[in-house]
Amino acid sequence: MRRVLASLSIGAIMATGALATAAPAQADVADCTGYLHDVGYAVGYDATRACQFAEYNEIGGHVLCYNLLRSLGVTTRHADTACTLGTL
């Protein structure tokens, strides 16, 4: 009986651990806007909207984000990095 309970306990712990560690990494708008803020840009409505394109548009989201950030005066390197962070 003890062996059965021990096996069940270990199985439950292993299953819980597997579920806890299996969560996928998720990018969000905050990754993109946070980066822009950290490198010195004022992050307002338009920059946030650009980052939302990166996060929510599966096809072409990075391109939309990048083009909008570039139109706001963000450098090519910073726009690319911010949008990449938003799509990871």
PDB file of N, CA and C in Angstrom:
ATOM      1  N   MET A   1       0.826  -1.190   0.000  1.00  0.00           N
ATOM      2  CA  MET A   1       0.000   0.000   0.000  1.00  0.00           C
ATOM      3  C   MET A   1       0.871   1.254   0.000  1.00  0.00           C
ATOM      4  N   ARG A   2       1.951   1.227   0.786  1.00  0.00           N
ATOM      5  CA  ARG A   2       2.835   2.387   0.841  1.00  0.00           C
ATOM      6  C   ARG A   2       3.472   2.646  -0.521  1.00  0.00           C
ATOM      7  N   ARG A   3       3.833   1.575  -1.212  1.00  0.00           N
ATOM      8  CA  ARG A   3       4.445   1.730  -2.526  1.00  0.00           C
ATOM      9  C   ARG A   3       3.471   2.380  -3.497  1.00  0.00           C
ATOM     10  N   VAL A   4       2.232   1.983  -3.419  1.00  0.00           N
ATOM     11  CA  VAL A   4       1.216   2.553  -4.306  1.00  0.00           C
ATOM     12  C   VAL A   4       1.039   4.039  -4.022  1.00  0.00           C
ATOM     13  N   LEU A   5       0.932   4.417  -2.746  1.00  0.00           N
ATOM     14  CA  LEU A   5       0.786   5.826  -2.385  1.00  0.00           C
ATOM     15  C   LEU A   5       2.014   6.629  -2.774  1.00  0.00           C
ATOM     16  N   ALA A   6       3.193   6.053  -2.580  1.00  0.00           N
ATOM     17  CA  ALA A   6       4.424   6.746  -2.957  1.00  0.00           C
ATOM     18  C   ALA A   6       4.477   6.950  -4.461  1.00  0.00           C
ATOM     19  N   SER A   7       4.082   5.944  -5.222  1.00  0.00           N
ATOM     20  CA  SER A   7       4.075   6.057  -6.681  1.00  0.00           C
ATOM     21  C   SER A   7       3.086   7.117  -7.140  1.00  0.00           C
ATOM     22  N   LEU A   8       1.920   7.148  -6.522  1.00  0.00           N
ATOM     23  CA  LEU A   8       0.921   8.149  -6.884  1.00  0.00           C
ATOM     24  C   LEU A   8       1.406   9.558  -6.546  1.00  0.00           C
ATOM     25  N   SER A   9       2.049   9.699  -5.384  1.00  0.00           N
ATOM     26  CA  SER A   9       2.558  11.007  -4.976  1.00  0.00           C
ATOM     27  C   SER A   9       3.637  11.495  -5.941  1.00  0.00           C
ATOM     28  N   ILE A  10       4.560  10.625  -6.277  1.00  0.00           N
ATOM     29  CA  ILE A  10       5.628  10.998  -7.203  1.00  0.00           C
ATOM     30  C   ILE A  10       5.047  11.311  -8.575  1.00  0.00           C
ATOM     31  N   GLY A  11       4.089  10.517  -9.000  1.00  0.00           N
ATOM     32  CA  GLY A  11       3.435  10.773 -10.291  1.00  0.00           C
ATOM     33  C   GLY A  11       2.731  12.121 -10.315  1.00  0.00           C
ATOM     34  N   ALA A  12       2.071  12.468  -9.230  1.00  0.00           N
ATOM     35  CA  ALA A  12       1.371  13.748  -9.150  1.00  0.00           C
ATOM     36  C   ALA A  12       2.356  14.912  -9.157  1.00  0.00           C
ATOM     37  N   ILE A  13       3.456  14.747  -8.441  1.00  0.00           N
ATOM     38  CA  ILE A  13       4.477  15.798  -8.418  1.00  0.00           C
ATOM     39  C   ILE A  13       5.087  15.974  -9.796  1.00  0.00           C
ATOM     40  N   MET A  14       5.390  14.875 -10.455  1.00  0.00           N
ATOM     41  CA  MET A  14       5.989  14.950 -11.792  1.00  0.00           C
ATOM     42  C   MET A  14       5.023  15.587 -12.784  1.00  0.00           C
ATOM     43  N   ALA A  15       3.758  15.235 -12.716  1.00  0.00           N
ATOM     44  CA  ALA A  15       2.767  15.793 -13.636  1.00  0.00           C
ATOM     45  C   ALA A  15       2.600  17.281 -13.409  1.00  0.00           C
ATOM     46  N   THR A  16       2.578  17.690 -12.159  1.00  0.00           N
ATOM     47  CA  THR A  16       2.433  19.105 -11.836  1.00  0.00           C
ATOM     48  C   THR A  16       3.653  19.879 -12.306  1.00  0.00           C
ATOM     49  N   GLY A  17       4.824  19.320 -12.092  1.00  0.00           N
ATOM     50  CA  GLY A  17       6.048  19.974 -12.533  1.00  0.00           C
ATOM     51  C   GLY A  17       6.108  20.100 -14.034  1.00  0.00           C
ATOM     52  N   ALA A  18       5.676  19.076 -14.736  1.00  0.00           N
ATOM     53  CA  ALA A  18       5.682  19.122 -16.195  1.00  0.00           C
ATOM     54  C   ALA A  18       4.736  20.198 -16.708  1.00  0.00           C
ATOM     55  N   LEU A  19       3.592  20.330 -16.065  1.00  0.00           N
ATOM     56  CA  LEU A  19       2.655  21.361 -16.481  1.00  0.00           C
ATOM     57  C   LEU A  19       3.177  22.748 -16.178  1.00  0.00           C
ATOM     58  N   ALA A  20       3.837  22.891 -15.056  1.00  0.00           N
ATOM     59  CA  ALA A  20       4.346  24.201 -14.665  1.00  0.00           C
ATOM     60  C   ALA A  20       5.483  24.659 -15.566  1.00  0.00           C
ATOM     61  N   THR A  21       6.299  23.728 -16.033  1.00  0.00           N
ATOM     62  CA  THR A  21       7.436  24.106 -16.857  1.00  0.00           C
ATOM     63  C   THR A  21       7.108  24.123 -18.343  1.00  0.00           C
ATOM     64  N   ALA A  22       5.945  23.673 -18.721  1.00  0.00           N
ATOM     65  CA  ALA A  22       5.606  23.589 -20.139  1.00  0.00           C
ATOM     66  C   ALA A  22       4.961  24.856 -20.687  1.00  0.00           C
ATOM     67  N   ALA A  23       4.792  25.869 -19.864  1.00  0.00           N
ATOM     68  CA  ALA A  23       4.154  27.096 -20.335  1.00  0.00           C
ATOM     69  C   ALA A  23       5.034  27.776 -21.382  1.00  0.00           C
ATOM     70  N   PRO A  24       4.459  28.148 -22.513  1.00  0.00           N
ATOM     71  CA  PRO A  24       5.250  28.764 -23.571  1.00  0.00           C
ATOM     72  C   PRO A  24       5.637  30.195 -23.216  1.00  0.00           C
ATOM     73  N   ALA A  25       6.756  30.637 -23.755  1.00  0.00           N
ATOM     74  CA  ALA A  25       7.157  32.028 -23.575  1.00  0.00           C
ATOM     75  C   ALA A  25       6.218  32.890 -24.398  1.00  0.00           C
ATOM     76  N   GLN A  26       5.826  34.009 -23.852  1.00  0.00           N
ATOM     77  CA  GLN A  26       4.888  34.859 -24.556  1.00  0.00           C
ATOM     78  C   GLN A  26       5.426  36.271 -24.631  1.00  0.00           C
ATOM     79  N   ALA A  27       5.438  36.780 -25.819  1.00  0.00           N
ATOM     80  CA  ALA A  27       5.814  38.177 -26.003  1.00  0.00           C
ATOM     81  C   ALA A  27       4.554  39.013 -25.853  1.00  0.00           C
ATOM     82  N   ASP A  28       4.747  40.230 -25.491  1.00  0.00           N
ATOM     83  CA  ASP A  28       3.599  41.111 -25.456  1.00  0.00           C
ATOM     84  C   ASP A  28       4.030  42.529 -25.781  1.00  0.00           C
ATOM     85  N   VAL A  29       3.077  43.394 -25.814  1.00  0.00           N
ATOM     86  CA  VAL A  29       3.318  44.788 -26.146  1.00  0.00           C
ATOM     87  C   VAL A  29       4.354  45.386 -25.200  1.00  0.00           C
ATOM     88  N   ALA A  30       4.341  44.964 -23.941  1.00  0.00           N
ATOM     89  CA  ALA A  30       5.257  45.511 -22.952  1.00  0.00           C
ATOM     90  C   ALA A  30       6.715  45.226 -23.281  1.00  0.00           C
ATOM     91  N   ASP A  31       7.005  44.093 -23.921  1.00  0.00           N
ATOM     92  CA  ASP A  31       8.381  43.796 -24.315  1.00  0.00           C
ATOM     93  C   ASP A  31       8.862  44.821 -25.341  1.00  0.00           C
ATOM     94  N   CYS A  32       8.022  45.100 -26.291  1.00  0.00           N
ATOM     95  CA  CYS A  32       8.331  46.041 -27.358  1.00  0.00           C
ATOM     96  C   CYS A  32       8.410  47.475 -26.830  1.00  0.00           C
ATOM     97  N   THR A  33       7.384  47.918 -26.134  1.00  0.00           N
ATOM     98  CA  THR A  33       7.363  49.298 -25.634  1.00  0.00           C
ATOM     99  C   THR A  33       8.411  49.508 -24.541  1.00  0.00           C
ATOM    100  N   GLY A  34       8.626  48.491 -23.736  1.00  0.00           N
ATOM    101  CA  GLY A  34       9.642  48.584 -22.691  1.00  0.00           C
ATOM    102  C   GLY A  34      11.026  48.791 -23.277  1.00  0.00           C
ATOM    103  N   TYR A  35      11.321  48.076 -24.343  1.00  0.00           N
ATOM    104  CA  TYR A  35      12.607  48.239 -25.014  1.00  0.00           C
ATOM    105  C   TYR A  35      12.737  49.653 -25.562  1.00  0.00           C
ATOM    106  N   LEU A  36      11.706  50.123 -26.232  1.00  0.00           N
ATOM    107  CA  LEU A  36      11.753  51.476 -26.791  1.00  0.00           C
ATOM    108  C   LEU A  36      11.992  52.510 -25.691  1.00  0.00           C
ATOM    109  N   HIS A  37      11.298  52.348 -24.586  1.00  0.00           N
ATOM    110  CA  HIS A  37      11.483  53.259 -23.453  1.00  0.00           C
ATOM    111  C   HIS A  37      12.916  53.184 -22.923  1.00  0.00           C
ATOM    112  N   ASP A  38      13.426  51.961 -22.794  1.00  0.00           N
ATOM    113  CA  ASP A  38      14.770  51.767 -22.246  1.00  0.00           C
ATOM    114  C   ASP A  38      15.864  52.385 -23.107  1.00  0.00           C
ATOM    115  N   VAL A  39      15.636  52.457 -24.426  1.00  0.00           N
ATOM    116  CA  VAL A  39      16.652  53.049 -25.301  1.00  0.00           C
ATOM    117  C   VAL A  39      16.398  54.532 -25.562  1.00  0.00           C
ATOM    118  N   GLY A  40      15.422  55.113 -24.853  1.00  0.00           N
ATOM    119  CA  GLY A  40      15.277  56.555 -24.846  1.00  0.00           C
ATOM    120  C   GLY A  40      14.134  57.178 -25.628  1.00  0.00           C
ATOM    121  N   TYR A  41      13.215  56.373 -26.126  1.00  0.00           N
ATOM    122  CA  TYR A  41      12.093  56.929 -26.873  1.00  0.00           C
ATOM    123  C   TYR A  41      10.908  57.193 -25.947  1.00  0.00           C
ATOM    124  N   ALA A  42      10.171  58.251 -26.259  1.00  0.00           N
ATOM    125  CA  ALA A  42       8.904  58.489 -25.576  1.00  0.00           C
ATOM    126  C   ALA A  42       7.894  57.533 -26.201  1.00  0.00           C
ATOM    127  N   VAL A  43       7.247  56.749 -25.383  1.00  0.00           N
ATOM    128  CA  VAL A  43       6.322  55.737 -25.888  1.00  0.00           C
ATOM    129  C   VAL A  43       4.901  56.220 -25.655  1.00  0.00           C
ATOM    130  N   GLY A  44       4.255  56.603 -26.740  1.00  0.00           N
ATOM    131  CA  GLY A  44       2.880  57.060 -26.677  1.00  0.00           C
ATOM    132  C   GLY A  44       1.954  56.115 -27.412  1.00  0.00           C
ATOM    133  N   TYR A  45       0.830  56.661 -27.821  1.00  0.00           N
ATOM    134  CA  TYR A  45      -0.203  55.861 -28.485  1.00  0.00           C
ATOM    135  C   TYR A  45       0.313  55.183 -29.751  1.00  0.00           C
ATOM    136  N   ASP A  46       0.987  55.945 -30.617  1.00  0.00           N
ATOM    137  CA  ASP A  46       1.413  55.389 -31.906  1.00  0.00           C
ATOM    138  C   ASP A  46       2.462  54.289 -31.755  1.00  0.00           C
ATOM    139  N   ALA A  47       3.412  54.490 -30.866  1.00  0.00           N
ATOM    140  CA  ALA A  47       4.426  53.460 -30.650  1.00  0.00           C
ATOM    141  C   ALA A  47       3.784  52.199 -30.046  1.00  0.00           C
ATOM    142  N   THR A  48       2.865  52.393 -29.138  1.00  0.00           N
ATOM    143  CA  THR A  48       2.161  51.253 -28.545  1.00  0.00           C
ATOM    144  C   THR A  48       1.354  50.511 -29.603  1.00  0.00           C
ATOM    145  N   ARG A  49       0.709  51.251 -30.468  1.00  0.00           N
ATOM    146  CA  ARG A  49      -0.057  50.627 -31.555  1.00  0.00           C
ATOM    147  C   ARG A  49       0.857  49.828 -32.473  1.00  0.00           C
ATOM    148  N   ALA A  50       2.026  50.371 -32.777  1.00  0.00           N
ATOM    149  CA  ALA A  50       2.989  49.649 -33.603  1.00  0.00           C
ATOM    150  C   ALA A  50       3.360  48.320 -32.945  1.00  0.00           C
ATOM    151  N   CYS A  51       3.614  48.369 -31.652  1.00  0.00           N
ATOM    152  CA  CYS A  51       3.970  47.147 -30.931  1.00  0.00           C
ATOM    153  C   CYS A  51       2.811  46.154 -30.891  1.00  0.00           C
ATOM    154  N   GLN A  52       1.586  46.656 -30.875  1.00  0.00           N
ATOM    155  CA  GLN A  52       0.422  45.766 -30.922  1.00  0.00           C
ATOM    156  C   GLN A  52       0.365  45.027 -32.255  1.00  0.00           C
ATOM    157  N   PHE A  53       0.739  45.686 -33.332  1.00  0.00           N
ATOM    158  CA  PHE A  53       0.792  44.991 -34.626  1.00  0.00           C
ATOM    159  C   PHE A  53       1.766  43.820 -34.544  1.00  0.00           C
ATOM    160  N   ALA A  54       2.898  44.038 -33.910  1.00  0.00           N
ATOM    161  CA  ALA A  54       3.893  42.969 -33.786  1.00  0.00           C
ATOM    162  C   ALA A  54       3.332  41.795 -33.003  1.00  0.00           C
ATOM    163  N   GLU A  55       2.588  42.095 -31.953  1.00  0.00           N
ATOM    164  CA  GLU A  55       2.079  41.020 -31.099  1.00  0.00           C
ATOM    165  C   GLU A  55       0.884  40.280 -31.705  1.00  0.00           C
ATOM    166  N   TYR A  56      -0.058  41.007 -32.278  1.00  0.00           N
ATOM    167  CA  TYR A  56      -1.332  40.390 -32.645  1.00  0.00           C
ATOM    168  C   TYR A  56      -1.479  39.993 -34.106  1.00  0.00           C
ATOM    169  N   ASN A  57      -0.672  40.514 -34.982  1.00  0.00           N
ATOM    170  CA  ASN A  57      -0.799  40.161 -36.394  1.00  0.00           C
ATOM    171  C   ASN A  57       0.200  39.083 -36.750  1.00  0.00           C
ATOM    172  N   GLU A  58      -0.297  37.874 -36.944  1.00  0.00           N
ATOM    173  CA  GLU A  58       0.576  36.749 -37.229  1.00  0.00           C
ATOM    174  C   GLU A  58       1.324  36.931 -38.546  1.00  0.00           C
ATOM    175  N   ILE A  59       0.639  37.380 -39.556  1.00  0.00           N
ATOM    176  CA  ILE A  59       1.249  37.543 -40.868  1.00  0.00           C
ATOM    177  C   ILE A  59       1.535  39.019 -41.091  1.00  0.00           C
ATOM    178  N   GLY A  60       2.803  39.357 -41.190  1.00  0.00           N
ATOM    179  CA  GLY A  60       3.187  40.731 -41.462  1.00  0.00           C
ATOM    180  C   GLY A  60       3.202  41.655 -40.271  1.00  0.00           C
ATOM    181  N   GLY A  61       3.007  41.150 -39.079  1.00  0.00           N
ATOM    182  CA  GLY A  61       2.976  41.993 -37.898  1.00  0.00           C
ATOM    183  C   GLY A  61       4.278  42.719 -37.649  1.00  0.00           C
ATOM    184  N   HIS A  62       5.378  42.010 -37.857  1.00  0.00           N
ATOM    185  CA  HIS A  62       6.688  42.623 -37.657  1.00  0.00           C
ATOM    186  C   HIS A  62       6.891  43.759 -38.656  1.00  0.00           C
ATOM    187  N   VAL A  63       6.501  43.551 -39.892  1.00  0.00           N
ATOM    188  CA  VAL A  63       6.671  44.570 -40.935  1.00  0.00           C
ATOM    189  C   VAL A  63       5.825  45.804 -40.625  1.00  0.00           C
ATOM    190  N   LEU A  64       4.589  45.592 -40.227  1.00  0.00           N
ATOM    191  CA  LEU A  64       3.721  46.721 -39.878  1.00  0.00           C
ATOM    192  C   LEU A  64       4.296  47.494 -38.692  1.00  0.00           C
ATOM    193  N   CYS A  65       4.736  46.770 -37.685  1.00  0.00           N
ATOM    194  CA  CYS A  65       5.341  47.388 -36.506  1.00  0.00           C
ATOM    195  C   CYS A  65       6.563  48.201 -36.913  1.00  0.00           C
ATOM    196  N   TYR A  66       7.437  47.587 -37.658  1.00  0.00           N
ATOM    197  CA  TYR A  66       8.684  48.225 -38.078  1.00  0.00           C
ATOM    198  C   TYR A  66       8.420  49.503 -38.882  1.00  0.00           C
ATOM    199  N   ASN A  67       7.541  49.407 -39.864  1.00  0.00           N
ATOM    200  CA  ASN A  67       7.254  50.575 -40.705  1.00  0.00           C
ATOM    201  C   ASN A  67       6.645  51.719 -39.905  1.00  0.00           C
ATOM    202  N   LEU A  68       5.766  51.409 -38.993  1.00  0.00           N
ATOM    203  CA  LEU A  68       5.156  52.458 -38.176  1.00  0.00           C
ATOM    204  C   LEU A  68       6.189  53.097 -37.239  1.00  0.00           C
ATOM    205  N   LEU A  69       7.017  52.276 -36.620  1.00  0.00           N
ATOM    206  CA  LEU A  69       8.047  52.832 -35.745  1.00  0.00           C
ATOM    207  C   LEU A  69       9.037  53.691 -36.533  1.00  0.00           C
ATOM    208  N   ARG A  70       9.396  53.251 -37.710  1.00  0.00           N
ATOM    209  CA  ARG A  70      10.308  54.038 -38.551  1.00  0.00           C
ATOM    210  C   ARG A  70       9.672  55.378 -38.915  1.00  0.00           C
ATOM    211  N   SER A  71       8.374  55.385 -39.184  1.00  0.00           N
ATOM    212  CA  SER A  71       7.693  56.638 -39.528  1.00  0.00           C
ATOM    213  C   SER A  71       7.639  57.590 -38.335  1.00  0.00           C
ATOM    214  N   LEU A  72       7.822  57.043 -37.129  1.00  0.00           N
ATOM    215  CA  LEU A  72       7.841  57.858 -35.914  1.00  0.00           C
ATOM    216  C   LEU A  72       9.247  58.342 -35.571  1.00  0.00           C
ATOM    217  N   GLY A  73      10.228  57.944 -36.378  1.00  0.00           N
ATOM    218  CA  GLY A  73      11.591  58.395 -36.148  1.00  0.00           C
ATOM    219  C   GLY A  73      12.473  57.436 -35.372  1.00  0.00           C
ATOM    220  N   VAL A  74      12.005  56.231 -35.164  1.00  0.00           N
ATOM    221  CA  VAL A  74      12.807  55.223 -34.473  1.00  0.00           C
ATOM    222  C   VAL A  74      13.855  54.701 -35.460  1.00  0.00           C
ATOM    223  N   THR A  75      15.087  54.526 -34.998  1.00  0.00           N
ATOM    224  CA  THR A  75      16.153  54.044 -35.881  1.00  0.00           C
ATOM    225  C   THR A  75      15.838  52.629 -36.377  1.00  0.00           C
ATOM    226  N   THR A  76      16.486  52.242 -37.456  1.00  0.00           N
ATOM    227  CA  THR A  76      16.237  50.914 -38.030  1.00  0.00           C
ATOM    228  C   THR A  76      16.551  49.812 -37.020  1.00  0.00           C
ATOM    229  N   ARG A  77      17.688  49.945 -36.343  1.00  0.00           N
ATOM    230  CA  ARG A  77      18.087  48.916 -35.384  1.00  0.00           C
ATOM    231  C   ARG A  77      17.113  48.819 -34.219  1.00  0.00           C
ATOM    232  N   HIS A  78      16.711  49.958 -33.679  1.00  0.00           N
ATOM    233  CA  HIS A  78      15.791  49.948 -32.541  1.00  0.00           C
ATOM    234  C   HIS A  78      14.401  49.453 -32.949  1.00  0.00           C
ATOM    235  N   ALA A  79      13.938  49.865 -34.130  1.00  0.00           N
ATOM    236  CA  ALA A  79      12.628  49.408 -34.600  1.00  0.00           C
ATOM    237  C   ALA A  79      12.629  47.897 -34.808  1.00  0.00           C
ATOM    238  N   ASP A  80      13.677  47.392 -35.437  1.00  0.00           N
ATOM    239  CA  ASP A  80      13.756  45.954 -35.681  1.00  0.00           C
ATOM    240  C   ASP A  80      13.800  45.178 -34.379  1.00  0.00           C
ATOM    241  N   THR A  81      14.613  45.630 -33.436  1.00  0.00           N
ATOM    242  CA  THR A  81      14.715  44.931 -32.144  1.00  0.00           C
ATOM    243  C   THR A  81      13.389  44.984 -31.391  1.00  0.00           C
ATOM    244  N   ALA A  82      12.774  46.147 -31.334  1.00  0.00           N
ATOM    245  CA  ALA A  82      11.503  46.282 -30.606  1.00  0.00           C
ATOM    246  C   ALA A  82      10.438  45.377 -31.201  1.00  0.00           C
ATOM    247  N   CYS A  83      10.312  45.377 -32.518  1.00  0.00           N
ATOM    248  CA  CYS A  83       9.287  44.554 -33.165  1.00  0.00           C
ATOM    249  C   CYS A  83       9.582  43.065 -33.040  1.00  0.00           C
ATOM    250  N   THR A  84      10.849  42.729 -33.064  1.00  0.00           N
ATOM    251  CA  THR A  84      11.220  41.315 -32.851  1.00  0.00           C
ATOM    252  C   THR A  84      10.841  40.886 -31.442  1.00  0.00           C
ATOM    253  N   LEU A  85      11.097  41.738 -30.463  1.00  0.00           N
ATOM    254  CA  LEU A  85      10.708  41.405 -29.083  1.00  0.00           C
ATOM    255  C   LEU A  85       9.196  41.251 -28.975  1.00  0.00           C
ATOM    256  N   GLY A  86       8.453  42.018 -29.748  1.00  0.00           N
ATOM    257  CA  GLY A  86       6.999  41.937 -29.719  1.00  0.00           C
ATOM    258  C   GLY A  86       6.439  40.701 -30.381  1.00  0.00           C
ATOM    259  N   THR A  87       7.227  40.056 -31.237  1.00  0.00           N
ATOM    260  CA  THR A  87       6.715  38.885 -31.949  1.00  0.00           C
ATOM    261  C   THR A  87       7.268  37.571 -31.424  1.00  0.00           C
ATOM    262  N   LEU A  88       8.201  37.611 -30.487  1.00  0.00           N
ATOM    263  CA  LEU A  88       8.801  36.366 -29.979  1.00  0.00           C
ATOM    264  C   LEU A  88       7.824  35.538 -29.201  1.00  0.00           C
TER     265      LEU A  88
END
